[in-house]
Amino acid sequence: YEPDYIKAFWGDNYDKLLSIKQKYD
């Protein structure tokens, strides 16, 4: 239940990761 988990887990990398996710899945 980490608050603001996107920032805590990946920082500024999340948007790029999401685009890769959408490409392959």
mmCIF file of all heavy atoms, coordinates in Angstrom:
data_MODEL
# 
_entry.id   MODEL 
# 
loop_
_atom_site.group_PDB 
_atom_site.id 
_atom_site.type_symbol 
_atom_site.label_atom_id 
_atom_site.label_alt_id 
_atom_site.label_comp_id 
_atom_site.label_asym_id 
_atom_site.label_entity_id 
_atom_site.label_seq_id 
_atom_site.pdbx_PDB_ins_code 
_atom_site.Cartn_x 
_atom_site.Cartn_y 
_atom_site.Cartn_z 
_atom_site.occupancy 
_atom_site.B_iso_or_equiv 
_atom_site.pdbx_formal_charge 
_atom_site.auth_seq_id 
_atom_site.auth_comp_id 
_atom_site.auth_asym_id 
_atom_site.auth_atom_id 
_atom_site.pdbx_PDB_model_num 
ATOM 1   N N   . TYR A 1 1  ? 0.829  -1.198 0.000   1.00 0.00 ? 1  TYR A N   1 
ATOM 2   C CA  . TYR A 1 1  ? 0.000  0.000  0.000   1.00 0.00 ? 1  TYR A CA  1 
ATOM 3   C C   . TYR A 1 1  ? 0.872  1.261  0.000   1.00 0.00 ? 1  TYR A C   1 
ATOM 4   O O   . TYR A 1 1  ? 0.468  2.298  0.529   1.00 0.00 ? 1  TYR A O   1 
ATOM 5   C CB  . TYR A 1 1  ? -0.937 -0.005 1.202   1.00 0.00 ? 1  TYR A CB  1 
ATOM 6   C CG  . TYR A 1 1  ? -1.893 -1.184 1.190   1.00 0.00 ? 1  TYR A CG  1 
ATOM 7   C CD1 . TYR A 1 1  ? -1.685 -2.282 2.018   1.00 0.00 ? 1  TYR A CD1 1 
ATOM 8   C CD2 . TYR A 1 1  ? -2.984 -1.209 0.324   1.00 0.00 ? 1  TYR A CD2 1 
ATOM 9   C CE1 . TYR A 1 1  ? -2.542 -3.375 1.993   1.00 0.00 ? 1  TYR A CE1 1 
ATOM 10  C CE2 . TYR A 1 1  ? -3.849 -2.290 0.291   1.00 0.00 ? 1  TYR A CE2 1 
ATOM 11  C CZ  . TYR A 1 1  ? -3.626 -3.368 1.120   1.00 0.00 ? 1  TYR A CZ  1 
ATOM 12  O OH  . TYR A 1 1  ? -4.472 -4.457 1.089   1.00 0.00 ? 1  TYR A OH  1 
ATOM 13  N N   . GLU A 1 2  ? 2.044  1.165  -0.592  1.00 0.00 ? 2  GLU A N   1 
ATOM 14  C CA  . GLU A 1 2  ? 2.973  2.295  -0.662  1.00 0.00 ? 2  GLU A CA  1 
ATOM 15  C C   . GLU A 1 2  ? 2.289  3.526  -1.263  1.00 0.00 ? 2  GLU A C   1 
ATOM 16  O O   . GLU A 1 2  ? 1.754  3.481  -2.373  1.00 0.00 ? 2  GLU A O   1 
ATOM 17  C CB  . GLU A 1 2  ? 4.172  1.917  -1.523  1.00 0.00 ? 2  GLU A CB  1 
ATOM 18  C CG  . GLU A 1 2  ? 5.196  3.020  -1.702  1.00 0.00 ? 2  GLU A CG  1 
ATOM 19  C CD  . GLU A 1 2  ? 5.959  3.339  -0.432  1.00 0.00 ? 2  GLU A CD  1 
ATOM 20  O OE1 . GLU A 1 2  ? 6.203  2.411  0.381   1.00 0.00 ? 2  GLU A OE1 1 
ATOM 21  O OE2 . GLU A 1 2  ? 6.313  4.519  -0.247  1.00 0.00 ? 2  GLU A OE2 1 
ATOM 22  N N   . PRO A 1 3  ? 2.292  4.667  -0.538  1.00 0.00 ? 3  PRO A N   1 
ATOM 23  C CA  . PRO A 1 3  ? 1.706  5.883  -1.113  1.00 0.00 ? 3  PRO A CA  1 
ATOM 24  C C   . PRO A 1 3  ? 2.522  6.338  -2.330  1.00 0.00 ? 3  PRO A C   1 
ATOM 25  O O   . PRO A 1 3  ? 3.742  6.188  -2.358  1.00 0.00 ? 3  PRO A O   1 
ATOM 26  C CB  . PRO A 1 3  ? 1.826  6.900  0.033   1.00 0.00 ? 3  PRO A CB  1 
ATOM 27  C CG  . PRO A 1 3  ? 2.064  6.086  1.268   1.00 0.00 ? 3  PRO A CG  1 
ATOM 28  C CD  . PRO A 1 3  ? 2.787  4.854  0.827   1.00 0.00 ? 3  PRO A CD  1 
ATOM 29  N N   . ASP A 1 4  ? 1.858  6.874  -3.319  1.00 0.00 ? 4  ASP A N   1 
ATOM 30  C CA  . ASP A 1 4  ? 2.524  7.374  -4.523  1.00 0.00 ? 4  ASP A CA  1 
ATOM 31  C C   . ASP A 1 4  ? 3.513  6.329  -5.041  1.00 0.00 ? 4  ASP A C   1 
ATOM 32  O O   . ASP A 1 4  ? 4.687  6.607  -5.281  1.00 0.00 ? 4  ASP A O   1 
ATOM 33  C CB  . ASP A 1 4  ? 3.246  8.685  -4.219  1.00 0.00 ? 4  ASP A CB  1 
ATOM 34  C CG  . ASP A 1 4  ? 3.607  9.467  -5.484  1.00 0.00 ? 4  ASP A CG  1 
ATOM 35  O OD1 . ASP A 1 4  ? 3.235  9.018  -6.593  1.00 0.00 ? 4  ASP A OD1 1 
ATOM 36  O OD2 . ASP A 1 4  ? 4.294  10.497 -5.365  1.00 0.00 ? 4  ASP A OD2 1 
ATOM 37  N N   . TYR A 1 5  ? 3.007  5.107  -5.240  1.00 0.00 ? 5  TYR A N   1 
ATOM 38  C CA  . TYR A 1 5  ? 3.885  3.977  -5.548  1.00 0.00 ? 5  TYR A CA  1 
ATOM 39  C C   . TYR A 1 5  ? 4.615  4.125  -6.866  1.00 0.00 ? 5  TYR A C   1 
ATOM 40  O O   . TYR A 1 5  ? 5.741  3.645  -7.021  1.00 0.00 ? 5  TYR A O   1 
ATOM 41  C CB  . TYR A 1 5  ? 3.085  2.673  -5.531  1.00 0.00 ? 5  TYR A CB  1 
ATOM 42  C CG  . TYR A 1 5  ? 2.122  2.504  -6.686  1.00 0.00 ? 5  TYR A CG  1 
ATOM 43  C CD1 . TYR A 1 5  ? 2.497  1.811  -7.824  1.00 0.00 ? 5  TYR A CD1 1 
ATOM 44  C CD2 . TYR A 1 5  ? 0.835  3.041  -6.640  1.00 0.00 ? 5  TYR A CD2 1 
ATOM 45  C CE1 . TYR A 1 5  ? 1.618  1.656  -8.893  1.00 0.00 ? 5  TYR A CE1 1 
ATOM 46  C CE2 . TYR A 1 5  ? -0.044 2.887  -7.692  1.00 0.00 ? 5  TYR A CE2 1 
ATOM 47  C CZ  . TYR A 1 5  ? 0.348  2.194  -8.820  1.00 0.00 ? 5  TYR A CZ  1 
ATOM 48  O OH  . TYR A 1 5  ? -0.513 2.051  -9.869  1.00 0.00 ? 5  TYR A OH  1 
ATOM 49  N N   . ILE A 1 6  ? 4.002  4.813  -7.839  1.00 0.00 ? 6  ILE A N   1 
ATOM 50  C CA  . ILE A 1 6  ? 4.674  4.966  -9.141  1.00 0.00 ? 6  ILE A CA  1 
ATOM 51  C C   . ILE A 1 6  ? 5.974  5.739  -8.974  1.00 0.00 ? 6  ILE A C   1 
ATOM 52  O O   . ILE A 1 6  ? 7.037  5.326  -9.474  1.00 0.00 ? 6  ILE A O   1 
ATOM 53  C CB  . ILE A 1 6  ? 3.732  5.667  -10.144 1.00 0.00 ? 6  ILE A CB  1 
ATOM 54  C CG1 . ILE A 1 6  ? 2.601  4.714  -10.546 1.00 0.00 ? 6  ILE A CG1 1 
ATOM 55  C CG2 . ILE A 1 6  ? 4.497  6.134  -11.374 1.00 0.00 ? 6  ILE A CG2 1 
ATOM 56  C CD1 . ILE A 1 6  ? 1.559  5.341  -11.450 1.00 0.00 ? 6  ILE A CD1 1 
ATOM 57  N N   . LYS A 1 7  ? 5.932  6.839  -8.263  1.00 0.00 ? 7  LYS A N   1 
ATOM 58  C CA  . LYS A 1 7  ? 7.144  7.622  -8.019  1.00 0.00 ? 7  LYS A CA  1 
ATOM 59  C C   . LYS A 1 7  ? 8.132  6.832  -7.175  1.00 0.00 ? 7  LYS A C   1 
ATOM 60  O O   . LYS A 1 7  ? 9.346  6.843  -7.437  1.00 0.00 ? 7  LYS A O   1 
ATOM 61  C CB  . LYS A 1 7  ? 6.775  8.927  -7.308  1.00 0.00 ? 7  LYS A CB  1 
ATOM 62  C CG  . LYS A 1 7  ? 7.969  9.790  -6.957  1.00 0.00 ? 7  LYS A CG  1 
ATOM 63  C CD  . LYS A 1 7  ? 7.532  11.049 -6.205  1.00 0.00 ? 7  LYS A CD  1 
ATOM 64  C CE  . LYS A 1 7  ? 8.746  11.887 -5.784  1.00 0.00 ? 7  LYS A CE  1 
ATOM 65  N NZ  . LYS A 1 7  ? 8.326  13.094 -5.010  1.00 0.00 ? 7  LYS A NZ  1 
ATOM 66  N N   . ALA A 1 8  ? 7.624  6.127  -6.155  1.00 0.00 ? 8  ALA A N   1 
ATOM 67  C CA  . ALA A 1 8  ? 8.508  5.392  -5.262  1.00 0.00 ? 8  ALA A CA  1 
ATOM 68  C C   . ALA A 1 8  ? 9.201  4.224  -5.960  1.00 0.00 ? 8  ALA A C   1 
ATOM 69  O O   . ALA A 1 8  ? 10.370 3.937  -5.707  1.00 0.00 ? 8  ALA A O   1 
ATOM 70  C CB  . ALA A 1 8  ? 7.722  4.887  -4.049  1.00 0.00 ? 8  ALA A CB  1 
ATOM 71  N N   . PHE A 1 9  ? 8.488  3.521  -6.850  1.00 0.00 ? 9  PHE A N   1 
ATOM 72  C CA  . PHE A 1 9  ? 9.060  2.348  -7.511  1.00 0.00 ? 9  PHE A CA  1 
ATOM 73  C C   . PHE A 1 9  ? 9.958  2.712  -8.689  1.00 0.00 ? 9  PHE A C   1 
ATOM 74  O O   . PHE A 1 9  ? 11.017 2.113  -8.866  1.00 0.00 ? 9  PHE A O   1 
ATOM 75  C CB  . PHE A 1 9  ? 7.941  1.438  -8.018  1.00 0.00 ? 9  PHE A CB  1 
ATOM 76  C CG  . PHE A 1 9  ? 7.121  0.778  -6.944  1.00 0.00 ? 9  PHE A CG  1 
ATOM 77  C CD1 . PHE A 1 9  ? 5.938  0.137  -7.269  1.00 0.00 ? 9  PHE A CD1 1 
ATOM 78  C CD2 . PHE A 1 9  ? 7.507  0.803  -5.609  1.00 0.00 ? 9  PHE A CD2 1 
ATOM 79  C CE1 . PHE A 1 9  ? 5.164  -0.478 -6.293  1.00 0.00 ? 9  PHE A CE1 1 
ATOM 80  C CE2 . PHE A 1 9  ? 6.746  0.207  -4.623  1.00 0.00 ? 9  PHE A CE2 1 
ATOM 81  C CZ  . PHE A 1 9  ? 5.562  -0.436 -4.962  1.00 0.00 ? 9  PHE A CZ  1 
ATOM 82  N N   . TRP A 1 10 ? 9.524  3.662  -9.524  1.00 0.00 ? 10 TRP A N   1 
ATOM 83  C CA  . TRP A 1 10 ? 10.218 3.884  -10.793 1.00 0.00 ? 10 TRP A CA  1 
ATOM 84  C C   . TRP A 1 10 ? 10.639 5.318  -11.052 1.00 0.00 ? 10 TRP A C   1 
ATOM 85  O O   . TRP A 1 10 ? 11.383 5.573  -12.000 1.00 0.00 ? 10 TRP A O   1 
ATOM 86  C CB  . TRP A 1 10 ? 9.321  3.422  -11.954 1.00 0.00 ? 10 TRP A CB  1 
ATOM 87  C CG  . TRP A 1 10 ? 8.971  1.975  -11.846 1.00 0.00 ? 10 TRP A CG  1 
ATOM 88  C CD1 . TRP A 1 10 ? 9.807  0.910  -12.014 1.00 0.00 ? 10 TRP A CD1 1 
ATOM 89  C CD2 . TRP A 1 10 ? 7.690  1.429  -11.531 1.00 0.00 ? 10 TRP A CD2 1 
ATOM 90  N NE1 . TRP A 1 10 ? 9.134  -0.270 -11.821 1.00 0.00 ? 10 TRP A NE1 1 
ATOM 91  C CE2 . TRP A 1 10 ? 7.813  0.020  -11.535 1.00 0.00 ? 10 TRP A CE2 1 
ATOM 92  C CE3 . TRP A 1 10 ? 6.435  1.975  -11.277 1.00 0.00 ? 10 TRP A CE3 1 
ATOM 93  C CZ2 . TRP A 1 10 ? 6.747  -0.829 -11.266 1.00 0.00 ? 10 TRP A CZ2 1 
ATOM 94  C CZ3 . TRP A 1 10 ? 5.374  1.134  -11.008 1.00 0.00 ? 10 TRP A CZ3 1 
ATOM 95  C CH2 . TRP A 1 10 ? 5.541  -0.255 -11.010 1.00 0.00 ? 10 TRP A CH2 1 
ATOM 96  N N   . GLY A 1 11 ? 10.177 6.281  -10.280 1.00 0.00 ? 11 GLY A N   1 
ATOM 97  C CA  . GLY A 1 11 ? 10.544 7.664  -10.538 1.00 0.00 ? 11 GLY A CA  1 
ATOM 98  C C   . GLY A 1 11 ? 10.111 8.107  -11.922 1.00 0.00 ? 11 GLY A C   1 
ATOM 99  O O   . GLY A 1 11 ? 8.996  7.836  -12.371 1.00 0.00 ? 11 GLY A O   1 
ATOM 100 N N   . ASP A 1 12 ? 11.022 8.764  -12.630 1.00 0.00 ? 12 ASP A N   1 
ATOM 101 C CA  . ASP A 1 12 ? 10.705 9.311  -13.946 1.00 0.00 ? 12 ASP A CA  1 
ATOM 102 C C   . ASP A 1 12 ? 10.658 8.255  -15.049 1.00 0.00 ? 12 ASP A C   1 
ATOM 103 O O   . ASP A 1 12 ? 10.371 8.587  -16.205 1.00 0.00 ? 12 ASP A O   1 
ATOM 104 C CB  . ASP A 1 12 ? 11.738 10.376 -14.328 1.00 0.00 ? 12 ASP A CB  1 
ATOM 105 C CG  . ASP A 1 12 ? 11.652 11.613 -13.442 1.00 0.00 ? 12 ASP A CG  1 
ATOM 106 O OD1 . ASP A 1 12 ? 10.578 11.832 -12.835 1.00 0.00 ? 12 ASP A OD1 1 
ATOM 107 O OD2 . ASP A 1 12 ? 12.652 12.351 -13.354 1.00 0.00 ? 12 ASP A OD2 1 
ATOM 108 N N   . ASN A 1 13 ? 10.936 7.002  -14.736 1.00 0.00 ? 13 ASN A N   1 
ATOM 109 C CA  . ASN A 1 13 ? 10.934 5.948  -15.756 1.00 0.00 ? 13 ASN A CA  1 
ATOM 110 C C   . ASN A 1 13 ? 9.542  5.430  -16.085 1.00 0.00 ? 13 ASN A C   1 
ATOM 111 O O   . ASN A 1 13 ? 9.378  4.669  -17.050 1.00 0.00 ? 13 ASN A O   1 
ATOM 112 C CB  . ASN A 1 13 ? 11.796 4.760  -15.303 1.00 0.00 ? 13 ASN A CB  1 
ATOM 113 C CG  . ASN A 1 13 ? 13.274 5.080  -15.363 1.00 0.00 ? 13 ASN A CG  1 
ATOM 114 O OD1 . ASN A 1 13 ? 13.735 5.765  -16.268 1.00 0.00 ? 13 ASN A OD1 1 
ATOM 115 N ND2 . ASN A 1 13 ? 14.024 4.575  -14.385 1.00 0.00 ? 13 ASN A ND2 1 
ATOM 116 N N   . TYR A 1 14 ? 8.538  5.803  -15.312 1.00 0.00 ? 14 TYR A N   1 
ATOM 117 C CA  . TYR A 1 14 ? 7.242  5.135  -15.458 1.00 0.00 ? 14 TYR A CA  1 
ATOM 118 C C   . TYR A 1 14 ? 6.604  5.353  -16.825 1.00 0.00 ? 14 TYR A C   1 
ATOM 119 O O   . TYR A 1 14 ? 6.069  4.407  -17.421 1.00 0.00 ? 14 TYR A O   1 
ATOM 120 C CB  . TYR A 1 14 ? 6.274  5.578  -14.363 1.00 0.00 ? 14 TYR A CB  1 
ATOM 121 C CG  . TYR A 1 14 ? 4.971  4.811  -14.444 1.00 0.00 ? 14 TYR A CG  1 
ATOM 122 C CD1 . TYR A 1 14 ? 4.888  3.496  -13.974 1.00 0.00 ? 14 TYR A CD1 1 
ATOM 123 C CD2 . TYR A 1 14 ? 3.837  5.374  -15.023 1.00 0.00 ? 14 TYR A CD2 1 
ATOM 124 C CE1 . TYR A 1 14 ? 3.719  2.771  -14.061 1.00 0.00 ? 14 TYR A CE1 1 
ATOM 125 C CE2 . TYR A 1 14 ? 2.657  4.657  -15.117 1.00 0.00 ? 14 TYR A CE2 1 
ATOM 126 C CZ  . TYR A 1 14 ? 2.601  3.355  -14.636 1.00 0.00 ? 14 TYR A CZ  1 
ATOM 127 O OH  . TYR A 1 14 ? 1.446  2.634  -14.746 1.00 0.00 ? 14 TYR A OH  1 
ATOM 128 N N   . ASP A 1 15 ? 6.616  6.564  -17.347 1.00 0.00 ? 15 ASP A N   1 
ATOM 129 C CA  . ASP A 1 15 ? 5.941  6.823  -18.619 1.00 0.00 ? 15 ASP A CA  1 
ATOM 130 C C   . ASP A 1 15 ? 6.546  5.980  -19.738 1.00 0.00 ? 15 ASP A C   1 
ATOM 131 O O   . ASP A 1 15 ? 5.829  5.448  -20.594 1.00 0.00 ? 15 ASP A O   1 
ATOM 132 C CB  . ASP A 1 15 ? 6.014  8.308  -18.967 1.00 0.00 ? 15 ASP A CB  1 
ATOM 133 C CG  . ASP A 1 15 ? 5.121  9.163  -18.074 1.00 0.00 ? 15 ASP A CG  1 
ATOM 134 O OD1 . ASP A 1 15 ? 4.229  8.597  -17.412 1.00 0.00 ? 15 ASP A OD1 1 
ATOM 135 O OD2 . ASP A 1 15 ? 5.332  10.390 -18.032 1.00 0.00 ? 15 ASP A OD2 1 
ATOM 136 N N   . LYS A 1 16 ? 7.858  5.852  -19.740 1.00 0.00 ? 16 LYS A N   1 
ATOM 137 C CA  . LYS A 1 16 ? 8.512  5.022  -20.751 1.00 0.00 ? 16 LYS A CA  1 
ATOM 138 C C   . LYS A 1 16 ? 8.128  3.558  -20.567 1.00 0.00 ? 16 LYS A C   1 
ATOM 139 O O   . LYS A 1 16 ? 7.854  2.851  -21.543 1.00 0.00 ? 16 LYS A O   1 
ATOM 140 C CB  . LYS A 1 16 ? 10.025 5.194  -20.681 1.00 0.00 ? 16 LYS A CB  1 
ATOM 141 C CG  . LYS A 1 16 ? 10.788 4.409  -21.741 1.00 0.00 ? 16 LYS A CG  1 
ATOM 142 C CD  . LYS A 1 16 ? 12.289 4.691  -21.675 1.00 0.00 ? 16 LYS A CD  1 
ATOM 143 C CE  . LYS A 1 16 ? 13.046 3.891  -22.731 1.00 0.00 ? 16 LYS A CE  1 
ATOM 144 N NZ  . LYS A 1 16 ? 14.512 4.170  -22.682 1.00 0.00 ? 16 LYS A NZ  1 
ATOM 145 N N   . LEU A 1 17 ? 8.102  3.102  -19.334 1.00 0.00 ? 17 LEU A N   1 
ATOM 146 C CA  . LEU A 1 17 ? 7.711  1.717  -19.065 1.00 0.00 ? 17 LEU A CA  1 
ATOM 147 C C   . LEU A 1 17 ? 6.279  1.461  -19.517 1.00 0.00 ? 17 LEU A C   1 
ATOM 148 O O   . LEU A 1 17 ? 5.971  0.406  -20.086 1.00 0.00 ? 17 LEU A O   1 
ATOM 149 C CB  . LEU A 1 17 ? 7.847  1.424  -17.565 1.00 0.00 ? 17 LEU A CB  1 
ATOM 150 C CG  . LEU A 1 17 ? 9.263  1.238  -17.044 1.00 0.00 ? 17 LEU A CG  1 
ATOM 151 C CD1 . LEU A 1 17 ? 9.281  1.244  -15.516 1.00 0.00 ? 17 LEU A CD1 1 
ATOM 152 C CD2 . LEU A 1 17 ? 9.871  -0.063 -17.559 1.00 0.00 ? 17 LEU A CD2 1 
ATOM 153 N N   . LEU A 1 18 ? 5.398  2.408  -19.285 1.00 0.00 ? 18 LEU A N   1 
ATOM 154 C CA  . LEU A 1 18 ? 4.012  2.231  -19.681 1.00 0.00 ? 18 LEU A CA  1 
ATOM 155 C C   . LEU A 1 18 ? 3.875  2.128  -21.197 1.00 0.00 ? 18 LEU A C   1 
ATOM 156 O O   . LEU A 1 18 ? 3.094  1.313  -21.706 1.00 0.00 ? 18 LEU A O   1 
ATOM 157 C CB  . LEU A 1 18 ? 3.165  3.379  -19.148 1.00 0.00 ? 18 LEU A CB  1 
ATOM 158 C CG  . LEU A 1 18 ? 1.664  3.290  -19.408 1.00 0.00 ? 18 LEU A CG  1 
ATOM 159 C CD1 . LEU A 1 18 ? 1.071  2.022  -18.790 1.00 0.00 ? 18 LEU A CD1 1 
ATOM 160 C CD2 . LEU A 1 18 ? 0.950  4.522  -18.853 1.00 0.00 ? 18 LEU A CD2 1 
ATOM 161 N N   . SER A 1 19 ? 4.647  2.909  -21.921 1.00 0.00 ? 19 SER A N   1 
ATOM 162 C CA  . SER A 1 19 ? 4.583  2.832  -23.386 1.00 0.00 ? 19 SER A CA  1 
ATOM 163 C C   . SER A 1 19 ? 5.095  1.490  -23.886 1.00 0.00 ? 19 SER A C   1 
ATOM 164 O O   . SER A 1 19 ? 4.566  0.940  -24.867 1.00 0.00 ? 19 SER A O   1 
ATOM 165 C CB  . SER A 1 19 ? 5.383  3.977  -24.011 1.00 0.00 ? 19 SER A CB  1 
ATOM 166 O OG  . SER A 1 19 ? 6.785  3.815  -23.804 1.00 0.00 ? 19 SER A OG  1 
ATOM 167 N N   . ILE A 1 20 ? 6.106  0.939  -23.234 1.00 0.00 ? 20 ILE A N   1 
ATOM 168 C CA  . ILE A 1 20 ? 6.620  -0.387 -23.607 1.00 0.00 ? 20 ILE A CA  1 
ATOM 169 C C   . ILE A 1 20 ? 5.580  -1.457 -23.289 1.00 0.00 ? 20 ILE A C   1 
ATOM 170 O O   . ILE A 1 20 ? 5.360  -2.388 -24.075 1.00 0.00 ? 20 ILE A O   1 
ATOM 171 C CB  . ILE A 1 20 ? 7.952  -0.663 -22.890 1.00 0.00 ? 20 ILE A CB  1 
ATOM 172 C CG1 . ILE A 1 20 ? 9.008  0.347  -23.346 1.00 0.00 ? 20 ILE A CG1 1 
ATOM 173 C CG2 . ILE A 1 20 ? 8.433  -2.090 -23.157 1.00 0.00 ? 20 ILE A CG2 1 
ATOM 174 C CD1 . ILE A 1 20 ? 10.275 0.330  -22.500 1.00 0.00 ? 20 ILE A CD1 1 
ATOM 175 N N   . LYS A 1 21 ? 4.944  -1.318 -22.155 1.00 0.00 ? 21 LYS A N   1 
ATOM 176 C CA  . LYS A 1 21 ? 3.867  -2.232 -21.785 1.00 0.00 ? 21 LYS A CA  1 
ATOM 177 C C   . LYS A 1 21 ? 2.776  -2.237 -22.851 1.00 0.00 ? 21 LYS A C   1 
ATOM 178 O O   . LYS A 1 21 ? 2.306  -3.303 -23.291 1.00 0.00 ? 21 LYS A O   1 
ATOM 179 C CB  . LYS A 1 21 ? 3.298  -1.817 -20.423 1.00 0.00 ? 21 LYS A CB  1 
ATOM 180 C CG  . LYS A 1 21 ? 1.955  -2.437 -20.045 1.00 0.00 ? 21 LYS A CG  1 
ATOM 181 C CD  . LYS A 1 21 ? 2.071  -3.897 -19.718 1.00 0.00 ? 21 LYS A CD  1 
ATOM 182 C CE  . LYS A 1 21 ? 0.749  -4.419 -19.168 1.00 0.00 ? 21 LYS A CE  1 
ATOM 183 N NZ  . LYS A 1 21 ? 0.791  -5.885 -18.972 1.00 0.00 ? 21 LYS A NZ  1 
ATOM 184 N N   . GLN A 1 22 ? 2.377  -1.067 -23.292 1.00 0.00 ? 22 GLN A N   1 
ATOM 185 C CA  . GLN A 1 22 ? 1.316  -0.962 -24.287 1.00 0.00 ? 22 GLN A CA  1 
ATOM 186 C C   . GLN A 1 22 ? 1.746  -1.517 -25.633 1.00 0.00 ? 22 GLN A C   1 
ATOM 187 O O   . GLN A 1 22 ? 0.931  -2.051 -26.395 1.00 0.00 ? 22 GLN A O   1 
ATOM 188 C CB  . GLN A 1 22 ? 0.880  0.496  -24.404 1.00 0.00 ? 22 GLN A CB  1 
ATOM 189 C CG  . GLN A 1 22 ? 0.180  1.004  -23.142 1.00 0.00 ? 22 GLN A CG  1 
ATOM 190 C CD  . GLN A 1 22 ? 0.012  2.517  -23.111 1.00 0.00 ? 22 GLN A CD  1 
ATOM 191 O OE1 . GLN A 1 22 ? 0.694  3.246  -23.843 1.00 0.00 ? 22 GLN A OE1 1 
ATOM 192 N NE2 . GLN A 1 22 ? -0.875 2.996  -22.238 1.00 0.00 ? 22 GLN A NE2 1 
ATOM 193 N N   . LYS A 1 23 ? 3.032  -1.444 -25.943 1.00 0.00 ? 23 LYS A N   1 
ATOM 194 C CA  . LYS A 1 23 ? 3.543  -1.983 -27.209 1.00 0.00 ? 23 LYS A CA  1 
ATOM 195 C C   . LYS A 1 23 ? 3.469  -3.502 -27.232 1.00 0.00 ? 23 LYS A C   1 
ATOM 196 O O   . LYS A 1 23 ? 3.022  -4.097 -28.218 1.00 0.00 ? 23 LYS A O   1 
ATOM 197 C CB  . LYS A 1 23 ? 4.981  -1.513 -27.418 1.00 0.00 ? 23 LYS A CB  1 
ATOM 198 C CG  . LYS A 1 23 ? 5.667  -2.157 -28.624 1.00 0.00 ? 23 LYS A CG  1 
ATOM 199 C CD  . LYS A 1 23 ? 7.126  -1.719 -28.741 1.00 0.00 ? 23 LYS A CD  1 
ATOM 200 C CE  . LYS A 1 23 ? 7.839  -2.464 -29.866 1.00 0.00 ? 23 LYS A CE  1 
ATOM 201 N NZ  . LYS A 1 23 ? 9.265  -2.053 -29.979 1.00 0.00 ? 23 LYS A NZ  1 
ATOM 202 N N   . TYR A 1 24 ? 3.932  -4.146 -26.163 1.00 0.00 ? 24 TYR A N   1 
ATOM 203 C CA  . TYR A 1 24 ? 4.018  -5.602 -26.153 1.00 0.00 ? 24 TYR A CA  1 
ATOM 204 C C   . TYR A 1 24 ? 2.756  -6.281 -25.632 1.00 0.00 ? 24 TYR A C   1 
ATOM 205 O O   . TYR A 1 24 ? 2.571  -7.480 -25.822 1.00 0.00 ? 24 TYR A O   1 
ATOM 206 C CB  . TYR A 1 24 ? 5.240  -6.051 -25.328 1.00 0.00 ? 24 TYR A CB  1 
ATOM 207 C CG  . TYR A 1 24 ? 6.543  -5.753 -26.013 1.00 0.00 ? 24 TYR A CG  1 
ATOM 208 C CD1 . TYR A 1 24 ? 7.272  -4.611 -25.700 1.00 0.00 ? 24 TYR A CD1 1 
ATOM 209 C CD2 . TYR A 1 24 ? 7.043  -6.597 -26.993 1.00 0.00 ? 24 TYR A CD2 1 
ATOM 210 C CE1 . TYR A 1 24 ? 8.473  -4.326 -26.338 1.00 0.00 ? 24 TYR A CE1 1 
ATOM 211 C CE2 . TYR A 1 24 ? 8.248  -6.330 -27.639 1.00 0.00 ? 24 TYR A CE2 1 
ATOM 212 C CZ  . TYR A 1 24 ? 8.950  -5.186 -27.305 1.00 0.00 ? 24 TYR A CZ  1 
ATOM 213 O OH  . TYR A 1 24 ? 10.135 -4.914 -27.949 1.00 0.00 ? 24 TYR A OH  1 
ATOM 214 N N   . ASP A 1 25 ? 1.907  -5.513 -24.973 1.00 0.00 ? 25 ASP A N   1 
ATOM 215 C CA  . ASP A 1 25 ? 0.663  -6.072 -24.429 1.00 0.00 ? 25 ASP A CA  1 
ATOM 216 C C   . ASP A 1 25 ? -0.471 -5.080 -24.646 1.00 0.00 ? 25 ASP A C   1 
ATOM 217 O O   . ASP A 1 25 ? -1.067 -4.571 -23.690 1.00 0.00 ? 25 ASP A O   1 
ATOM 218 C CB  . ASP A 1 25 ? 0.857  -6.369 -22.938 1.00 0.00 ? 25 ASP A CB  1 
ATOM 219 C CG  . ASP A 1 25 ? -0.313 -7.122 -22.317 1.00 0.00 ? 25 ASP A CG  1 
ATOM 220 O OD1 . ASP A 1 25 ? -1.161 -7.626 -23.078 1.00 0.00 ? 25 ASP A OD1 1 
ATOM 221 O OD2 . ASP A 1 25 ? -0.388 -7.201 -21.076 1.00 0.00 ? 25 ASP A OD2 1 
# 
